[in-house]
């Protein structure tokens, strides 16, 4: 199957879930894939591309400047200077200290707060119990657009996604303004994420297949 055929099938599944495909942002995850995959995604109308590592992303950003690039992987504080201003959205802000360093270097950098709603030790993200306070603090000093999270490595992803949606709603109440972005759902669990209110899906294998 081509990327276009896979994308059509994904949009059919989004519609079947009761959501409007036009209202869902698909981030085409190009981690480990070459420039041909990036350009094929753009040719299919997928304007948002996601990368996990700054070092891998930077040459792609230079080569494919028409895309809207998102950083979706863990960002070390010593790599912030290379990331700010290059990515339209840094989805993986997982601590208040990291947010401070981002804002110090670029107050206009848009961010999402990553929350470890599965509580799995191998995953990055703010602890759910601390997420509200951290979100308010980040929003008060920088440009916070919403939340990002991952489903569990195994088992039902719905409780984690529903918890993240609830945290977003409570943060909106605390701040008195909307946080429109809720990035959750990957190739294996995006329908559960859509049911929980996701506005942004991060899809790699579902779009490009298993080969890199």
C-alpha atoms as a PDB file:
ATOM      1  CA  UNK A   1       0.000   0.000   0.000  1.00  0.00           C
ATOM      2  CA  UNK A   2       1.073   3.546  -0.658  1.00  0.00           C
ATOM      3  CA  UNK A   3       1.099   6.300   1.942  1.00  0.00           C
ATOM      4  CA  UNK A   4      -1.926   7.824   0.252  1.00  0.00           C
ATOM      5  CA  UNK A   5      -3.856   4.545   0.466  1.00  0.00           C
ATOM      6  CA  UNK A   6      -2.939   4.108   4.121  1.00  0.00           C
ATOM      7  CA  UNK A   7      -3.948   7.702   4.830  1.00  0.00           C
ATOM      8  CA  UNK A   8      -7.330   7.170   3.180  1.00  0.00           C
ATOM      9  CA  UNK A   9      -7.871   4.075   5.340  1.00  0.00           C
ATOM     10  CA  UNK A  10      -6.904   6.006   8.482  1.00  0.00           C
ATOM     11  CA  UNK A  11      -9.337   8.787   7.656  1.00  0.00           C
ATOM     12  CA  UNK A  12     -12.083   6.215   7.148  1.00  0.00           C
ATOM     13  CA  UNK A  13     -11.341   4.800  10.600  1.00  0.00           C
ATOM     14  CA  UNK A  14     -11.400   8.290  12.115  1.00  0.00           C
ATOM     15  CA  UNK A  15     -14.803   8.929  10.545  1.00  0.00           C
ATOM     16  CA  UNK A  16     -16.054   5.520  11.718  1.00  0.00           C
ATOM     17  CA  UNK A  17     -15.088   6.478  15.262  1.00  0.00           C
ATOM     18  CA  UNK A  18     -17.518   9.384  15.095  1.00  0.00           C
ATOM     19  CA  UNK A  19     -14.889  12.099  14.734  1.00  0.00           C
ATOM     20  CA  UNK A  20     -14.501  14.483  11.816  1.00  0.00           C
ATOM     21  CA  UNK A  21     -11.205  13.716  10.027  1.00  0.00           C
ATOM     22  CA  UNK A  22     -10.894  17.407   9.156  1.00  0.00           C
ATOM     23  CA  UNK A  23     -10.708  18.232  12.856  1.00  0.00           C
ATOM     24  CA  UNK A  24      -7.890  15.797  13.638  1.00  0.00           C
ATOM     25  CA  UNK A  25      -4.252  16.714  13.050  1.00  0.00           C
ATOM     26  CA  UNK A  26      -2.155  13.783  11.874  1.00  0.00           C
ATOM     27  CA  UNK A  27       1.520  14.060  12.723  1.00  0.00           C
ATOM     28  CA  UNK A  28       3.412  11.866  10.266  1.00  0.00           C
ATOM     29  CA  UNK A  29       6.216  10.380  12.341  1.00  0.00           C
ATOM     30  CA  UNK A  30       9.303  10.244  10.124  1.00  0.00           C
ATOM     31  CA  UNK A  31      11.711   8.927  12.766  1.00  0.00           C
ATOM     32  CA  UNK A  32      14.145   6.549  11.108  1.00  0.00           C
ATOM     33  CA  UNK A  33      12.823   7.331   7.646  1.00  0.00           C
ATOM     34  CA  UNK A  34      14.478   9.203   4.819  1.00  0.00           C
ATOM     35  CA  UNK A  35      13.637  12.372   2.939  1.00  0.00           C
ATOM     36  CA  UNK A  36      11.559  10.432   0.401  1.00  0.00           C
ATOM     37  CA  UNK A  37       9.064   9.498   3.129  1.00  0.00           C
ATOM     38  CA  UNK A  38       8.920  13.112   4.316  1.00  0.00           C
ATOM     39  CA  UNK A  39       8.211  14.375   0.829  1.00  0.00           C
ATOM     40  CA  UNK A  40       5.675  11.621   0.124  1.00  0.00           C
ATOM     41  CA  UNK A  41       3.764  12.630   3.268  1.00  0.00           C
ATOM     42  CA  UNK A  42       3.689  16.251   2.126  1.00  0.00           C
ATOM     43  CA  UNK A  43       2.533  15.197  -1.340  1.00  0.00           C
ATOM     44  CA  UNK A  44      -0.427  13.454   0.316  1.00  0.00           C
ATOM     45  CA  UNK A  45      -1.410  16.629   2.130  1.00  0.00           C
ATOM     46  CA  UNK A  46       0.185  15.745   5.481  1.00  0.00           C
ATOM     47  CA  UNK A  47       1.892  19.007   6.371  1.00  0.00           C
ATOM     48  CA  UNK A  48       2.899  18.111   9.942  1.00  0.00           C
ATOM     49  CA  UNK A  49       5.943  15.870  10.421  1.00  0.00           C
ATOM     50  CA  UNK A  50       7.217  14.565  13.755  1.00  0.00           C
ATOM     51  CA  UNK A  51      10.697  13.586  14.856  1.00  0.00           C
ATOM     52  CA  UNK A  52      11.985  12.003  18.058  1.00  0.00           C
ATOM     53  CA  UNK A  53      15.569  13.254  18.052  1.00  0.00           C
ATOM     54  CA  UNK A  54      16.873  16.733  17.399  1.00  0.00           C
ATOM     55  CA  UNK A  55      20.034  15.515  15.659  1.00  0.00           C
ATOM     56  CA  UNK A  56      18.073  13.412  13.167  1.00  0.00           C
ATOM     57  CA  UNK A  57      15.517  16.134  12.602  1.00  0.00           C
ATOM     58  CA  UNK A  58      17.749  19.108  11.830  1.00  0.00           C
ATOM     59  CA  UNK A  59      18.990  18.001   8.387  1.00  0.00           C
ATOM     60  CA  UNK A  60      15.449  16.978   7.449  1.00  0.00           C
ATOM     61  CA  UNK A  61      14.137  20.387   8.507  1.00  0.00           C
ATOM     62  CA  UNK A  62      16.715  22.016   6.257  1.00  0.00           C
ATOM     63  CA  UNK A  63      15.840  19.733   3.344  1.00  0.00           C
ATOM     64  CA  UNK A  64      12.047  19.894   3.774  1.00  0.00           C
ATOM     65  CA  UNK A  65      11.390  23.446   4.990  1.00  0.00           C
ATOM     66  CA  UNK A  66       7.759  23.516   3.837  1.00  0.00           C
ATOM     67  CA  UNK A  67       6.675  21.062   6.533  1.00  0.00           C
ATOM     68  CA  UNK A  68       5.475  21.998  10.011  1.00  0.00           C
ATOM     69  CA  UNK A  69       7.908  20.103  12.231  1.00  0.00           C
ATOM     70  CA  UNK A  70       7.083  18.820  15.707  1.00  0.00           C
ATOM     71  CA  UNK A  71       9.487  17.362  18.248  1.00  0.00           C
ATOM     72  CA  UNK A  72       7.751  14.381  19.835  1.00  0.00           C
ATOM     73  CA  UNK A  73      10.661  12.644  21.576  1.00  0.00           C
ATOM     74  CA  UNK A  74      12.474  13.378  24.822  1.00  0.00           C
ATOM     75  CA  UNK A  75      14.383  16.665  24.791  1.00  0.00           C
ATOM     76  CA  UNK A  76      17.510  16.957  26.903  1.00  0.00           C
ATOM     77  CA  UNK A  77      18.184  20.386  28.351  1.00  0.00           C
ATOM     78  CA  UNK A  78      21.539  20.613  26.565  1.00  0.00           C
ATOM     79  CA  UNK A  79      19.742  20.204  23.215  1.00  0.00           C
ATOM     80  CA  UNK A  80      17.213  22.998  23.800  1.00  0.00           C
ATOM     81  CA  UNK A  81      19.355  25.562  22.005  1.00  0.00           C
ATOM     82  CA  UNK A  82      19.206  23.439  18.837  1.00  0.00           C
ATOM     83  CA  UNK A  83      15.453  22.808  19.079  1.00  0.00           C
ATOM     84  CA  UNK A  84      13.854  26.165  19.839  1.00  0.00           C
ATOM     85  CA  UNK A  85      12.751  28.052  16.770  1.00  0.00           C
ATOM     86  CA  UNK A  86      13.283  25.000  14.553  1.00  0.00           C
ATOM     87  CA  UNK A  87      10.190  23.100  15.612  1.00  0.00           C
ATOM     88  CA  UNK A  88       6.730  24.608  15.340  1.00  0.00           C
ATOM     89  CA  UNK A  89       5.727  22.642  18.439  1.00  0.00           C
ATOM     90  CA  UNK A  90       7.753  20.868  21.104  1.00  0.00           C
ATOM     91  CA  UNK A  91       5.326  18.220  22.328  1.00  0.00           C
ATOM     92  CA  UNK A  92       7.601  16.559  24.857  1.00  0.00           C
ATOM     93  CA  UNK A  93       8.085  19.119  27.640  1.00  0.00           C
ATOM     94  CA  UNK A  94       8.375  16.832  30.640  1.00  0.00           C
ATOM     95  CA  UNK A  95       9.538  19.090  33.462  1.00  0.00           C
ATOM     96  CA  UNK A  96       9.245  22.635  34.705  1.00  0.00           C
ATOM     97  CA  UNK A  97      13.011  23.081  34.431  1.00  0.00           C
ATOM     98  CA  UNK A  98      12.926  22.117  30.754  1.00  0.00           C
ATOM     99  CA  UNK A  99      10.081  24.557  30.118  1.00  0.00           C
ATOM    100  CA  UNK A 100      12.046  27.333  31.818  1.00  0.00           C
ATOM    101  CA  UNK A 101      15.066  26.682  29.597  1.00  0.00           C
ATOM    102  CA  UNK A 102      12.903  26.693  26.471  1.00  0.00           C
ATOM    103  CA  UNK A 103      11.228  29.973  27.430  1.00  0.00           C
ATOM    104  CA  UNK A 104      14.577  31.511  28.354  1.00  0.00           C
ATOM    105  CA  UNK A 105      15.865  30.841  24.864  1.00  0.00           C
ATOM    106  CA  UNK A 106      12.638  31.544  22.956  1.00  0.00           C
ATOM    107  CA  UNK A 107       9.568  32.942  24.756  1.00  0.00           C
ATOM    108  CA  UNK A 108       7.455  32.316  21.641  1.00  0.00           C
ATOM    109  CA  UNK A 109       8.184  28.605  21.360  1.00  0.00           C
ATOM    110  CA  UNK A 110       4.942  26.631  21.516  1.00  0.00           C
ATOM    111  CA  UNK A 111       4.895  23.624  23.823  1.00  0.00           C
ATOM    112  CA  UNK A 112       2.813  20.716  25.065  1.00  0.00           C
ATOM    113  CA  UNK A 113       3.212  19.254  28.527  1.00  0.00           C
ATOM    114  CA  UNK A 114       3.995  15.540  28.376  1.00  0.00           C
ATOM    115  CA  UNK A 115       2.345  13.569  31.172  1.00  0.00           C
ATOM    116  CA  UNK A 116       3.236   9.978  32.055  1.00  0.00           C
ATOM    117  CA  UNK A 117      -0.366   8.868  32.493  1.00  0.00           C
ATOM    118  CA  UNK A 118       0.598   5.185  32.315  1.00  0.00           C
ATOM    119  CA  UNK A 119       3.039   5.613  35.219  1.00  0.00           C
ATOM    120  CA  UNK A 120       5.519   3.332  33.473  1.00  0.00           C
ATOM    121  CA  UNK A 121       9.076   4.013  34.670  1.00  0.00           C
ATOM    122  CA  UNK A 122      10.574   3.688  31.193  1.00  0.00           C
ATOM    123  CA  UNK A 123       8.458   6.557  29.891  1.00  0.00           C
ATOM    124  CA  UNK A 124       9.157  10.263  30.178  1.00  0.00           C
ATOM    125  CA  UNK A 125       6.616  12.779  31.371  1.00  0.00           C
ATOM    126  CA  UNK A 126       5.429  14.703  34.394  1.00  0.00           C
ATOM    127  CA  UNK A 127       3.724  12.579  37.037  1.00  0.00           C
ATOM    128  CA  UNK A 128      -0.068  12.935  36.731  1.00  0.00           C
ATOM    129  CA  UNK A 129      -0.285  14.030  40.359  1.00  0.00           C
ATOM    130  CA  UNK A 130       1.980  16.998  39.587  1.00  0.00           C
ATOM    131  CA  UNK A 131       0.718  17.779  36.102  1.00  0.00           C
ATOM    132  CA  UNK A 132      -1.846  20.447  37.013  1.00  0.00           C
ATOM    133  CA  UNK A 133       0.565  22.585  38.975  1.00  0.00           C
ATOM    134  CA  UNK A 134       3.289  22.197  36.356  1.00  0.00           C
ATOM    135  CA  UNK A 135       0.886  23.026  33.526  1.00  0.00           C
ATOM    136  CA  UNK A 136      -0.272  26.209  35.230  1.00  0.00           C
ATOM    137  CA  UNK A 137       3.318  27.273  35.874  1.00  0.00           C
ATOM    138  CA  UNK A 138       4.347  26.580  32.274  1.00  0.00           C
ATOM    139  CA  UNK A 139       1.296  28.405  30.894  1.00  0.00           C
ATOM    140  CA  UNK A 140       2.036  31.443  33.014  1.00  0.00           C
ATOM    141  CA  UNK A 141       5.563  31.827  31.673  1.00  0.00           C
ATOM    142  CA  UNK A 142       5.325  30.476  28.121  1.00  0.00           C
ATOM    143  CA  UNK A 143       3.098  29.308  25.296  1.00  0.00           C
ATOM    144  CA  UNK A 144       1.409  26.118  26.440  1.00  0.00           C
ATOM    145  CA  UNK A 145      -1.029  24.698  23.915  1.00  0.00           C
ATOM    146  CA  UNK A 146      -2.137  21.552  25.706  1.00  0.00           C
ATOM    147  CA  UNK A 147      -1.033  18.074  26.723  1.00  0.00           C
ATOM    148  CA  UNK A 148       0.691  15.044  25.230  1.00  0.00           C
ATOM    149  CA  UNK A 149       0.707  11.469  26.460  1.00  0.00           C
ATOM    150  CA  UNK A 150       1.218   7.850  25.467  1.00  0.00           C
ATOM    151  CA  UNK A 151      -0.827   4.739  25.991  1.00  0.00           C
ATOM    152  CA  UNK A 152       0.534   1.749  27.904  1.00  0.00           C
ATOM    153  CA  UNK A 153       2.951  -0.757  26.421  1.00  0.00           C
ATOM    154  CA  UNK A 154       0.258  -3.417  26.880  1.00  0.00           C
ATOM    155  CA  UNK A 155      -3.353  -3.494  27.953  1.00  0.00           C
ATOM    156  CA  UNK A 156      -6.294  -1.156  27.570  1.00  0.00           C
ATOM    157  CA  UNK A 157      -5.151   2.401  26.702  1.00  0.00           C
ATOM    158  CA  UNK A 158      -8.503   4.030  27.437  1.00  0.00           C
ATOM    159  CA  UNK A 159      -7.968   4.794  31.159  1.00  0.00           C
ATOM    160  CA  UNK A 160      -4.688   6.599  30.439  1.00  0.00           C
ATOM    161  CA  UNK A 161      -6.192   8.634  27.617  1.00  0.00           C
ATOM    162  CA  UNK A 162      -9.255   9.534  29.639  1.00  0.00           C
ATOM    163  CA  UNK A 163      -7.059  10.640  32.536  1.00  0.00           C
ATOM    164  CA  UNK A 164      -5.073  12.900  30.233  1.00  0.00           C
ATOM    165  CA  UNK A 165      -8.269  14.440  28.870  1.00  0.00           C
ATOM    166  CA  UNK A 166      -9.428  15.072  32.433  1.00  0.00           C
ATOM    167  CA  UNK A 167      -6.143  16.741  33.322  1.00  0.00           C
ATOM    168  CA  UNK A 168      -6.472  18.995  30.284  1.00  0.00           C
ATOM    169  CA  UNK A 169     -10.009  19.983  31.337  1.00  0.00           C
ATOM    170  CA  UNK A 170      -8.939  20.739  34.902  1.00  0.00           C
ATOM    171  CA  UNK A 171      -5.989  22.796  33.672  1.00  0.00           C
ATOM    172  CA  UNK A 172      -8.316  24.813  31.459  1.00  0.00           C
ATOM    173  CA  UNK A 173     -10.509  25.531  34.478  1.00  0.00           C
ATOM    174  CA  UNK A 174      -7.518  26.622  36.524  1.00  0.00           C
ATOM    175  CA  UNK A 175      -6.201  28.865  33.770  1.00  0.00           C
ATOM    176  CA  UNK A 176      -9.551  30.202  32.614  1.00  0.00           C
ATOM    177  CA  UNK A 177      -8.710  29.621  28.974  1.00  0.00           C
ATOM    178  CA  UNK A 178      -8.729  26.736  26.500  1.00  0.00           C
ATOM    179  CA  UNK A 179      -5.790  24.432  25.900  1.00  0.00           C
ATOM    180  CA  UNK A 180      -6.858  23.213  22.471  1.00  0.00           C
ATOM    181  CA  UNK A 181      -4.254  20.539  21.776  1.00  0.00           C
ATOM    182  CA  UNK A 182      -4.499  17.000  23.103  1.00  0.00           C
ATOM    183  CA  UNK A 183      -1.832  14.855  21.443  1.00  0.00           C
ATOM    184  CA  UNK A 184      -2.474  11.192  22.148  1.00  0.00           C
ATOM    185  CA  UNK A 185      -2.816   8.121  20.009  1.00  0.00           C
ATOM    186  CA  UNK A 186      -0.269   6.251  17.909  1.00  0.00           C
ATOM    187  CA  UNK A 187      -0.519   3.589  15.215  1.00  0.00           C
ATOM    188  CA  UNK A 188      -1.708   0.840  17.544  1.00  0.00           C
ATOM    189  CA  UNK A 189      -4.159   2.731  19.728  1.00  0.00           C
ATOM    190  CA  UNK A 190      -5.371   5.829  17.939  1.00  0.00           C
ATOM    191  CA  UNK A 191      -9.031   4.840  17.875  1.00  0.00           C
ATOM    192  CA  UNK A 192      -9.092   4.623  21.673  1.00  0.00           C
ATOM    193  CA  UNK A 193      -7.394   8.030  21.772  1.00  0.00           C
ATOM    194  CA  UNK A 194     -10.007   9.505  19.451  1.00  0.00           C
ATOM    195  CA  UNK A 195     -12.787   8.180  21.674  1.00  0.00           C
ATOM    196  CA  UNK A 196     -11.151   9.968  24.607  1.00  0.00           C
ATOM    197  CA  UNK A 197     -10.972  13.290  22.771  1.00  0.00           C
ATOM    198  CA  UNK A 198      -7.584  13.392  21.071  1.00  0.00           C
ATOM    199  CA  UNK A 199      -7.081  16.249  18.615  1.00  0.00           C
ATOM    200  CA  UNK A 200      -3.672  15.113  17.346  1.00  0.00           C
ATOM    201  CA  UNK A 201      -2.463  11.634  16.345  1.00  0.00           C
ATOM    202  CA  UNK A 202       1.210  10.666  16.023  1.00  0.00           C
ATOM    203  CA  UNK A 203       1.347   8.014  13.297  1.00  0.00           C
ATOM    204  CA  UNK A 204       4.373   6.292  11.814  1.00  0.00           C
ATOM    205  CA  UNK A 205       3.836   2.607  11.022  1.00  0.00           C
ATOM    206  CA  UNK A 206       0.150   3.157  10.169  1.00  0.00           C
ATOM    207  CA  UNK A 207       1.200   5.590   7.418  1.00  0.00           C
ATOM    208  CA  UNK A 208       4.506   4.238   6.189  1.00  0.00           C
ATOM    209  CA  UNK A 209       4.349   0.522   6.976  1.00  0.00           C
ATOM    210  CA  UNK A 210       6.954  -1.406   8.924  1.00  0.00           C
ATOM    211  CA  UNK A 211       9.936  -0.673   6.697  1.00  0.00           C
ATOM    212  CA  UNK A 212      12.066   2.388   7.438  1.00  0.00           C
END
